[in-house]
Every structure is written in structure tokens, then in C-alpha cells.
Protein backbone atom coordinates (compact mmCIF):
# COMPACT_ATOMS: atom_id res chain seq x y z
CA MET A 1 184.90 216.01 195.43
CA ASN A 2 186.71 217.76 192.70
CA PHE A 3 184.71 218.29 189.53
CA ASN A 4 187.26 220.57 187.93
CA TYR A 5 187.27 220.32 184.04
CA THR A 6 184.56 217.67 184.43
CA ARG A 7 182.39 217.79 181.40
CA ALA A 8 178.90 217.14 182.61
CA ALA A 9 175.53 217.11 180.96
CA VAL A 10 172.22 217.86 182.68
CA LEU A 11 168.89 216.49 181.00
CA GLY A 12 165.93 218.43 181.65
CA LEU A 13 165.73 222.27 182.73
CA GLY A 14 163.01 221.82 185.51
CA ALA A 15 163.79 222.96 189.12
CA SER A 16 165.90 219.84 189.91
CA GLY A 17 167.90 220.24 186.52
CA GLU A 18 168.66 223.72 187.23
CA ALA A 19 169.78 222.93 190.84
CA ALA A 20 172.10 219.98 189.52
CA ALA A 21 173.62 222.48 186.84
CA LYS A 22 174.27 224.98 189.44
CA LEU A 23 175.68 222.55 192.03
CA LEU A 24 178.05 221.11 189.44
CA ARG A 25 179.16 224.63 187.99
CA ARG A 26 179.79 225.66 191.71
CA HIS A 27 182.41 222.44 191.77
CA GLY A 28 184.15 223.35 188.70
CA ALA A 29 182.47 221.33 186.19
CA ARG A 30 181.70 222.56 182.43
CA VAL A 31 178.11 222.16 182.18
CA THR A 32 175.73 221.91 179.26
CA VAL A 33 171.75 221.72 179.96
CA PHE A 34 169.81 219.91 177.35
CA ASP A 35 165.81 220.33 177.29
CA SER A 36 163.61 219.50 174.45
CA GLY A 37 161.05 222.03 175.29
CA LYS A 38 161.19 225.82 175.58
CA PRO A 39 162.37 226.63 179.11
CA ASP A 40 161.92 230.29 180.74
CA PRO A 41 164.32 232.58 178.90
CA GLN A 42 165.21 234.15 182.31
CA LYS A 43 165.95 230.78 183.71
CA ILE A 44 168.38 230.11 180.68
CA GLN A 45 170.08 233.61 180.90
CA GLY A 46 170.77 232.84 184.73
CA LEU A 47 172.54 229.67 183.93
CA GLU A 48 174.61 231.27 180.98
CA GLU A 49 175.59 234.19 183.28
CA ILE A 50 177.36 231.56 185.65
CA GLY A 51 179.04 229.86 182.80
CA VAL A 52 176.50 227.16 181.94
CA SER A 53 175.69 226.38 178.31
CA VAL A 54 172.00 225.50 177.25
CA ILE A 55 170.90 223.58 174.36
CA THR A 56 166.98 223.59 173.83
CA GLY A 57 164.21 222.19 171.43
CA GLU A 58 164.96 219.82 168.65
CA ALA A 59 168.81 220.48 168.73
CA ALA A 60 168.83 218.92 172.38
CA ASP A 61 167.40 215.69 170.97
CA VAL A 62 169.87 214.99 168.37
CA ALA A 63 173.17 216.36 169.81
CA GLU A 64 176.44 214.75 169.78
CA VAL A 65 177.29 213.42 173.20
CA ASP A 66 180.86 213.40 174.74
CA TYR A 67 180.35 214.15 178.42
CA ASP A 68 182.08 212.53 181.63
CA LEU A 69 178.90 212.62 183.46
CA THR A 70 175.12 212.80 182.50
CA VAL A 71 172.63 213.75 184.99
CA LEU A 72 169.08 213.03 184.38
CA SER A 73 166.36 215.08 186.00
CA PRO A 74 163.49 212.83 187.84
CA GLY A 75 160.67 214.21 185.82
CA ILE A 76 161.94 213.09 182.45
CA ASP A 77 160.86 209.54 181.36
CA PRO A 78 163.95 207.67 179.87
CA VAL A 79 161.93 206.74 176.83
CA VAL A 80 161.69 210.34 175.47
CA PRO A 81 164.06 211.08 172.40
CA LEU A 82 166.20 213.43 174.42
CA VAL A 83 167.43 210.49 176.84
CA GLN A 84 167.28 207.94 174.13
CA ASN A 85 169.75 209.90 172.08
CA PHE A 86 172.19 209.99 174.99
CA LEU A 87 171.77 206.39 175.91
CA ARG A 88 172.62 205.34 172.13
CA GLN A 89 175.83 207.09 172.54
CA GLY A 90 176.85 205.19 175.52
CA ALA A 91 175.98 207.77 178.37
CA ARG A 92 175.44 206.31 181.72
CA LEU A 93 172.61 208.25 183.52
CA THR A 94 173.12 209.54 186.94
CA GLY A 95 170.10 210.84 188.93
CA GLU A 96 169.88 214.59 190.56
CA LEU A 97 169.30 212.81 193.75
CA GLU A 98 172.56 210.62 193.39
CA LEU A 99 174.53 213.64 192.53
CA ALA A 100 173.46 215.81 195.38
CA PHE A 101 174.17 212.88 197.58
CA HIS A 102 177.87 212.83 196.44
CA PHE A 103 178.25 216.40 197.88
CA CYS A 104 176.13 215.84 201.06
CA LYS A 105 177.91 215.55 204.40
CA LEU A 106 175.04 215.36 206.59
CA PRO A 107 172.71 212.34 207.59
CA VAL A 108 169.78 211.85 205.45
CA ILE A 109 166.31 210.80 206.08
CA ALA A 110 164.54 209.42 202.89
CA VAL A 111 160.84 209.07 202.73
CA THR A 112 159.30 207.16 200.04
CA GLY A 113 155.75 205.35 199.48
CA THR A 114 152.72 205.98 197.00
CA ASN A 115 150.73 208.09 199.28
CA GLY A 116 151.60 210.31 202.01
CA LYS A 117 155.25 211.38 201.24
CA THR A 118 154.90 214.91 201.13
CA THR A 119 152.69 214.99 204.47
CA THR A 120 155.15 212.75 206.22
CA THR A 121 158.23 214.41 205.09
CA GLN A 122 156.77 217.88 206.53
CA MET A 123 155.67 216.19 209.54
CA ILE A 124 159.18 215.02 210.04
CA GLU A 125 160.76 218.42 209.20
CA SER A 126 158.09 219.93 211.96
CA MET A 127 158.92 217.34 214.49
CA LEU A 128 162.78 217.65 214.02
CA ASN A 129 162.69 221.52 214.12
CA GLY A 130 160.50 221.26 217.23
CA ALA A 131 163.06 219.07 218.83
CA SER A 132 165.95 221.42 218.11
CA PHE A 133 167.37 219.64 214.76
CA ARG A 134 167.99 221.96 211.99
CA THR A 135 166.40 220.27 208.90
CA VAL A 136 164.53 221.18 205.68
CA ALA A 137 162.02 219.08 203.55
CA CYS A 138 163.63 218.89 200.19
CA GLY A 139 163.99 216.65 197.24
CA ASN A 140 160.65 215.68 195.65
CA ILE A 141 159.02 218.30 197.57
CA GLY A 142 159.68 222.17 197.06
CA MET A 143 163.51 222.67 197.14
CA PRO A 144 165.55 220.13 195.08
CA PHE A 145 168.09 218.28 197.01
CA SER A 146 170.86 219.83 194.85
CA GLU A 147 169.95 223.12 195.99
CA ALA A 148 169.73 222.01 199.69
CA VAL A 149 173.13 220.74 199.96
CA GLN A 150 174.42 224.00 198.82
CA ARG A 151 173.32 225.27 201.94
CA GLN A 152 174.01 222.37 204.19
CA GLU A 153 175.97 224.49 206.68
CA GLU A 154 172.53 225.57 207.96
CA PHE A 155 171.39 222.12 208.84
CA ASP A 156 172.05 219.23 210.92
CA ILE A 157 170.20 216.65 208.89
CA PHE A 158 168.30 216.68 205.62
CA THR A 159 164.72 215.20 205.26
CA VAL A 160 164.21 214.31 201.77
CA GLU A 161 161.17 212.99 199.90
CA VAL A 162 162.15 210.65 197.21
CA SER A 163 159.99 209.17 194.10
CA SER A 164 160.36 206.03 192.36
CA PHE A 165 161.63 208.03 189.41
CA GLN A 166 164.52 209.56 191.54
CA LEU A 167 165.36 206.15 192.93
CA GLU A 168 165.77 204.84 189.32
CA THR A 169 169.11 206.45 188.90
CA ILE A 170 170.87 205.98 192.22
CA TRP A 171 174.07 204.21 192.69
CA THR A 172 175.38 205.28 196.20
CA PHE A 173 172.60 206.99 197.91
CA ARG A 174 172.42 205.75 201.40
CA PRO A 175 169.84 207.24 204.06
CA THR A 176 170.51 206.84 207.63
CA VAL A 177 166.60 206.47 207.96
CA ALA A 178 164.65 205.16 205.21
CA VAL A 179 161.00 205.36 205.63
CA TRP A 180 158.58 203.23 203.71
CA LEU A 181 154.87 204.32 203.87
CA ASN A 182 153.02 202.11 201.55
CA LEU A 183 152.69 200.75 198.09
CA THR A 184 149.64 200.77 195.74
CA PRO A 185 149.27 200.63 192.01
CA ASP A 186 150.44 204.04 190.58
CA HIS A 187 152.63 205.41 187.54
CA LEU A 188 151.47 202.26 185.41
CA ASP A 189 151.69 204.70 182.53
CA ARG A 190 155.62 204.54 182.95
CA TYR A 191 156.06 201.13 184.50
CA PRO A 192 155.13 197.79 182.75
CA SER A 193 153.71 196.54 186.26
CA ILE A 194 153.35 197.25 189.70
CA LYS A 195 156.59 194.78 190.12
CA GLU A 196 158.64 197.23 188.16
CA TYR A 197 157.33 200.25 190.27
CA SER A 198 158.03 198.36 193.58
CA ALA A 199 161.53 197.50 192.50
CA ALA A 200 162.33 201.05 191.83
CA LYS A 201 160.87 202.13 195.20
CA LEU A 202 162.69 199.34 197.08
CA ARG A 203 166.12 200.62 195.98
CA VAL A 204 165.85 203.29 198.92
CA PHE A 205 167.10 200.30 201.12
CA GLU A 206 169.88 198.79 198.79
CA ASN A 207 172.89 200.72 200.15
CA GLN A 208 171.89 200.76 203.89
CA HIS A 209 174.09 199.07 206.30
CA SER A 210 173.08 197.29 209.48
CA SER A 211 173.50 200.24 211.49
CA ASP A 212 171.00 202.38 209.46
CA PHE A 213 167.16 202.04 210.29
CA ALA A 214 164.31 201.21 208.04
CA VAL A 215 160.85 202.43 209.11
CA THR A 216 158.42 200.36 207.24
CA ASN A 217 154.55 199.63 206.87
CA ALA A 218 153.98 196.12 208.35
CA ALA A 219 151.43 195.58 205.72
CA ASP A 220 154.09 195.39 202.96
CA ALA A 221 156.54 192.57 202.53
CA LEU A 222 160.05 194.07 202.06
CA PRO A 223 162.62 191.69 201.05
CA GLY A 224 166.48 192.18 201.59
CA ILE A 225 166.43 194.87 204.20
CA VAL A 226 169.53 194.87 206.31
CA ALA A 227 169.01 197.92 208.30
CA ARG A 228 167.10 197.81 211.76
CA GLN A 229 163.54 197.85 210.97
CA ILE A 230 160.94 199.69 212.98
CA ARG A 231 157.44 198.65 211.87
CA PHE A 232 154.26 200.29 212.02
CA SER A 233 150.39 199.65 211.35
CA ALA A 234 147.24 201.26 212.11
CA TYR A 235 145.20 198.30 210.83
CA SER A 236 146.72 195.25 212.82
CA LYS A 237 148.55 194.20 215.98
CA GLY A 238 151.97 193.04 216.24
CA ALA A 239 154.03 195.99 214.68
CA ASP A 240 156.17 198.38 216.94
CA PHE A 241 153.96 201.25 216.42
CA THR A 242 149.99 200.56 216.47
CA LEU A 243 146.68 202.42 216.89
CA GLN A 244 144.53 201.74 219.86
CA GLY A 245 141.52 203.81 219.64
CA GLU A 246 142.59 207.24 218.73
CA THR A 247 146.07 206.87 220.66
CA ILE A 248 149.32 205.72 218.77
CA HIS A 249 151.16 203.40 221.03
CA PHE A 250 154.95 202.10 220.87
CA ARG A 251 155.06 198.48 221.77
CA ASP A 252 152.03 198.97 224.06
CA ALA A 253 153.06 202.23 225.57
CA PRO A 254 150.79 205.24 224.87
CA ILE A 255 152.62 207.78 222.85
CA LEU A 256 150.28 210.09 220.98
CA ASN A 257 146.83 210.82 220.78
CA MET A 258 145.46 212.00 217.43
CA LYS A 259 143.02 214.45 219.20
CA GLU A 260 146.40 216.43 220.09
CA THR A 261 147.10 216.88 216.53
CA HIS A 262 145.73 218.78 213.65
CA VAL A 263 145.24 215.89 211.40
CA ALA A 264 142.73 213.08 211.27
CA GLY A 265 142.02 209.67 209.50
CA ILE A 266 143.70 206.38 209.78
CA HIS A 267 146.16 207.27 207.01
CA ASN A 268 147.48 210.03 208.96
CA ALA A 269 147.67 207.94 212.01
CA GLU A 270 150.21 205.78 209.91
CA ASN A 271 152.04 209.27 208.71
CA LEU A 272 152.48 209.96 212.38
CA MET A 273 153.81 206.60 213.16
CA ALA A 274 156.36 207.12 210.24
CA ALA A 275 157.54 210.33 211.80
CA LEU A 276 157.77 208.81 215.41
CA GLY A 277 159.60 205.74 214.04
CA THR A 278 162.03 208.21 212.52
CA ALA A 279 162.33 209.97 215.97
CA TYR A 280 162.98 206.56 217.70
CA ALA A 281 165.81 205.95 215.19
CA LEU A 282 167.39 209.29 215.92
CA GLN A 283 167.02 208.89 219.79
CA ILE A 284 164.57 211.76 220.22
CA PRO A 285 162.63 211.66 223.18
CA TRP A 286 158.88 211.25 222.70
CA GLU A 287 157.94 214.47 224.61
CA LYS A 288 160.25 216.37 222.00
CA ALA A 289 158.87 214.57 219.17
CA ARG A 290 155.28 215.36 220.12
CA CYS A 291 155.93 219.08 220.11
CA GLY A 292 156.38 219.43 216.42
CA LEU A 293 153.95 216.89 215.61
CA THR A 294 151.15 218.66 217.38
CA GLU A 295 152.01 221.95 215.66
CA TYR A 296 151.99 220.34 212.10
CA ARG A 297 149.07 221.49 209.68
CA LEU A 298 148.26 219.60 206.47
CA LEU A 299 149.16 221.52 203.19
CA PRO A 300 146.37 222.36 200.99
CA HIS A 301 144.65 220.15 198.43
CA ARG A 302 144.71 217.03 201.18
CA CYS A 303 141.12 216.84 202.45
CA GLU A 304 140.99 220.51 202.70
CA ASN A 305 137.54 222.01 203.61
CA VAL A 306 137.24 224.83 201.32
CA GLY A 307 133.82 226.23 202.17
CA GLU A 308 130.04 225.55 202.82
CA ILE A 309 127.17 226.29 200.52
CA ASP A 310 123.61 225.99 201.54
CA GLY A 311 124.78 223.59 204.34
CA VAL A 312 126.80 221.43 201.99
CA VAL A 313 130.67 221.15 202.94
CA PHE A 314 133.09 221.14 199.90
CA ILE A 315 136.28 219.14 200.32
CA ASN A 316 139.24 219.54 198.08
CA ASP A 317 141.34 216.41 197.97
CA SER A 318 143.14 217.17 194.61
CA LYS A 319 146.40 215.74 195.80
CA ALA A 320 144.69 212.24 195.42
CA THR A 321 146.37 211.05 192.26
CA ASN A 322 145.92 207.30 192.63
CA LEU A 323 143.14 204.84 194.10
CA ASP A 324 144.55 204.48 197.22
CA ALA A 325 144.38 208.08 198.15
CA LEU A 326 141.01 208.22 196.94
CA VAL A 327 140.11 205.14 199.18
CA LYS A 328 141.63 206.86 202.14
CA ALA A 329 139.62 210.18 201.45
CA LEU A 330 136.42 208.28 201.12
CA GLU A 331 137.16 206.06 204.39
CA SER A 332 137.75 209.43 206.34
CA GLN A 333 134.14 210.53 205.64
CA PRO A 334 131.72 209.29 208.35
CA GLU A 335 128.57 209.75 205.89
CA PRO A 336 127.90 208.97 202.30
CA VAL A 337 129.20 211.78 199.99
CA VAL A 338 128.86 213.09 196.48
CA LEU A 339 132.02 212.46 194.94
CA ILE A 340 133.81 214.26 192.09
CA ALA A 341 136.59 211.89 190.57
CA GLY A 342 138.34 211.23 187.21
CA GLY A 343 141.19 212.69 185.41
CA LYS A 344 144.22 211.30 183.32
CA ASP A 345 144.34 207.56 182.17
CA LYS A 346 147.58 206.36 184.02
CA GLY A 347 146.92 202.86 183.02
CA PHE A 348 144.89 201.26 185.89
CA GLY A 349 141.17 200.77 186.24
CA PHE A 350 138.69 201.85 189.05
CA ASP A 351 136.92 198.68 189.59
CA ALA A 352 138.98 197.40 192.43
CA ILE A 353 137.17 200.00 194.76
CA ILE A 354 133.53 199.41 193.43
CA ASP A 355 132.49 198.00 196.90
CA LEU A 356 133.73 201.06 198.83
CA ILE A 357 131.89 203.50 196.09
CA HIS A 358 128.70 201.57 196.82
CA ASP A 359 128.99 201.96 200.56
CA LYS A 360 130.46 205.66 200.73
CA ALA A 361 128.95 207.52 197.72
CA LYS A 362 125.54 208.54 197.09
CA HIS A 363 126.39 209.88 193.75
CA ALA A 364 129.76 210.13 191.66
CA VAL A 365 130.36 213.08 189.07
CA LEU A 366 133.10 211.99 186.74
CA ILE A 367 135.37 214.13 184.73
CA GLY A 368 138.43 213.83 182.49
CA GLU A 369 139.97 211.04 180.31
CA MET A 370 138.71 208.32 182.65
CA ALA A 371 135.14 209.40 182.93
CA ASP A 372 133.57 207.06 180.48
CA ARG A 373 135.58 204.06 181.79
CA ILE A 374 134.78 204.90 185.42
CA LEU A 375 131.15 205.39 184.32
CA GLN A 376 131.01 201.94 182.87
CA SER A 377 132.14 200.57 186.38
CA TRP A 378 130.68 202.50 188.90
CA SER A 379 127.14 202.95 187.32
CA LYS A 380 126.47 199.33 188.33
CA VAL A 381 126.52 200.46 192.21
CA VAL A 382 125.89 204.12 192.26
CA PRO A 383 124.09 206.94 190.16
CA CYS A 384 126.74 208.56 188.07
CA SER A 385 126.91 211.51 185.75
CA VAL A 386 129.74 212.96 183.43
CA ALA A 387 130.90 216.84 183.41
CA ARG A 388 133.03 218.31 180.76
CA THR A 389 134.52 220.89 183.01
CA LEU A 390 135.35 221.19 186.77
CA ARG A 391 132.64 224.02 187.13
CA GLU A 392 130.15 221.86 185.61
CA ALA A 393 130.94 218.82 188.01
CA VAL A 394 130.51 221.32 190.90
CA VAL A 395 127.18 222.26 189.74
CA GLN A 396 126.07 218.71 189.42
CA ALA A 397 127.33 217.80 192.65
CA ARG A 398 125.34 220.57 194.21
CA GLN A 399 122.33 219.37 192.65
CA HIS A 400 122.78 215.70 194.19
CA SER A 401 123.77 216.96 197.73
CA LEU A 402 121.59 217.99 200.83
CA PRO A 403 122.43 220.11 203.69
CA GLY A 404 124.57 218.53 206.19
CA GLU A 405 126.31 216.29 203.36
CA VAL A 406 129.74 216.52 201.84
CA VAL A 407 130.90 217.04 198.23
CA LEU A 408 134.34 215.38 198.01
CA PHE A 409 136.48 216.42 195.26
CA SER A 410 139.05 213.41 195.14
CA PRO A 411 140.09 212.46 191.62
CA GLY A 412 141.90 209.27 192.04
CA THR A 413 144.39 209.92 189.32
CA SER A 414 146.64 212.59 187.70
CA SER A 415 145.53 215.85 186.49
CA PHE A 416 147.55 216.43 183.37
CA ASP A 417 144.54 215.82 180.91
CA MET A 418 142.90 219.04 182.20
CA PHE A 419 145.03 220.83 184.53
CA LYS A 420 148.74 221.85 184.77
CA ASN A 421 149.08 219.70 188.02
CA TYR A 422 147.24 218.63 191.13
CA GLY A 423 147.74 222.07 192.69
CA ASP A 424 146.27 223.94 189.65
CA ARG A 425 143.33 221.49 189.75
CA GLY A 426 142.81 222.11 193.40
CA ASN A 427 143.20 225.97 193.39
CA GLN A 428 140.54 225.89 190.58
CA PHE A 429 138.22 223.77 192.67
CA ARG A 430 138.68 226.05 195.67
CA GLU A 431 138.11 229.31 193.49
CA ILE A 432 134.80 227.91 192.15
CA ILE A 433 133.65 227.08 195.44
CA GLN A 434 134.51 230.48 196.73
CA GLU A 435 132.79 232.25 193.92
CA LEU A 436 129.53 230.22 194.38
CA ALA A 437 129.63 230.90 197.96
CA ARG A 438 129.42 234.71 197.57
């Protein structure tokens, strides 16, 4: 595609925005990046050295708009002044995901869902590399898709994690294999209801053809899919992939025993099924698919054992940024736990899991913006306390736990009220445990 002399605006100078600007400049576009904040000066200097203009601060929010193409970074909410200024002046927004796809010459696997996206994307990456397919996990995880396509001669296929935010601004994006993991309430601070959130995610299927594949969770009714469906469920029979005991079956034939892997829990069984469904779509023999999957290890902050103090095990599940992830973490624990939960108010309540809290938690320590609201709900069924800091929460959790028990840090919501992100939150939790264990 020839972008020579195209006047392009990129909104946002995060990792995706920077990658989009470099991709456009590489293909001859005249690029200007707009960011309302104060980006890293070195990042700005690097772009200016390759001929990209950068406008920041208040000037970005009121700039006159006259561009052939406007690319929106996925982390920017369209309601902010920067985006609204462009929309008022008639700009049509294209997402970074869509932009990268224009330059993509390789097949794409797209993984979406409320929970498990990163784990499944990396499982597929490990599985494909183990089966001699050159791929890289990119998109909403690590490397932006716009950066990956600039290196596409190194790969055979792309494995792309896609969020609802990214899918809002696609037009032609068409994955050869689209993976739908699950849908539970999340991001209701951005979407008016779960209906709009679901509609954004469903766009992953909208450009697929009947020759493509959709690997889907049998628990969800997904309308309008024209691709060939491969369905999975660890909870019920009738899907293509099912769980019998600890063994994943494909149409009643045993494929993979969970004990052969380094992951556990019914949620990870479904993540493995989604990866195996991708293997089926790509005609990868089961024995080759198993090689990479049995080598895969979970990333930090996902039910990560970070230490033991006086016989109490501490588990870091900071990646649990919504209720469904918290539910899965609790369900994976065989005995009652002392739970540390809470964080940013994302527009949903915690009443829906009160029965599970009753069954699984012996005490709950609550933190963040949501602490008082959760306290009002959960204190009806389990003893609760409130902590002002994460360190204070750990101290309280130790006081309520006994040798042989578990303290589970699974917040159930986002971290931005007290931390930079879930990684920062999880790292601080790990550091506190390591310090106390000395």
C-alpha cells in the first residue's frame, strides 16, 4: 500500500501510537502525533529524528484537523477532549490494529475475551513455535501489532491478543482464526452496559469468511458467525473439546492431560482447549501441539506463589482485574483462604459472588476505592476488614491466617486508584512478602 504524501495523524504516544507512527512514516506518510499528556522526551526526539511531528499538552486538544488518516491508539477513550476535537472536525477514526492489518501479509490468529487473553495468546505462541511455526505474541500484549508487521519476514503467522478497545475501530481486520474465550462484566466505566461491551468484542468475527475458523466458548451464544466453529467447554458436554477428569478430549478422544502441563485450574483447561482448537484449525497434529503446551509456564501475577511465611502460602493474582478472574482464582483453591481484594471502581458491584465468598473465604481484607462498597456486601457472610495500604492489608491477612492456609491477593478490579497497573500492584505485593519472609 502506497502512503506517500498521505497526511496522517496518530492520537496517543503510548507503545501502540509510537509503533503506528513509525509504520506510517516507513511507508512514506507525513505523520503528526498528538498526545494530551507529557510523553517521554526521548520518545519524542526519536520520532522527530525520523521526520514525525509531535504535538503535546493542551495544544493537542485544540489543534486544527486536516488529515487524510487519523489513527487512534487503543488505550485512549474516545470521549476525551483530544479525540472529540478530531471528531468535531469530521475525522474518521482508524485503530492501530486496523492500520497494522493493512500492511500484514501473513495469516492472523486473534484472541479475545474478558479473561485469559494473554495466557492463551502465549500458549498459542509456545504451541506454534514448538510445532515449527514462526510466530510472535503481539497486539494487546507486549509488542504492538504495528511493530510486529514491520518484521513480518521473520514469521509465518501472527498471534495477536485483541481487546474490545482495539476492535472498536476496525474496518477490514480479518483473522484466519478468531478465538473467543469468554465474556463477563468488565470495563463498564467505558461501556454503558455489557451489551455494548459484548458488541465491541463480537467484531472480531465480522469480516471472517466461511473458510476461516472461530474457536469459541460453548457457554456463550454468539450470533452471526459465518466461520467454521470449533467449540470448547470445561463445564459441560456436547462441545468439540471437553474436560473429563483432568484430561482434555476432542470429540471423546483424549488429547492432553493437565498433569503434563505447568498450569492448573478449570479456567486454564479452557485456555488450553482454545489453543488446541487453534491447532485443529491450522491442521497441526496433536503430538506436535502438545510439545509447546507442555513447556508453557504462566506469566507473573496469575495465581503466582510468591512465598511462604510461618507456614502460610501467599499467592499473587494481581492480574485479576474483574470479578470472573477473582472467581476462577478462588475456585482453584481447595481450602478456604484469607482474601485480599478491591481497587478501582469500574462500574460493577461485588454482590454477584457473595455465595462463593461465603464458601471460599474465611476472612476478606479490602483495599482501594471499592473497599467500603465491598465491605457492605461481603460482611454479611464473612468477617471483613479494611486496609489503607497494601502493606497494611498483608499484615492484617497474616493475623487472620494459620499455618497450612493461603493468603490470596486477587483484587477483582483494576489497580489505577493506588498503582500504575496490575504489574506494579503485583510486584509490590511480591516485594512485601519477600521482605517479611527474611
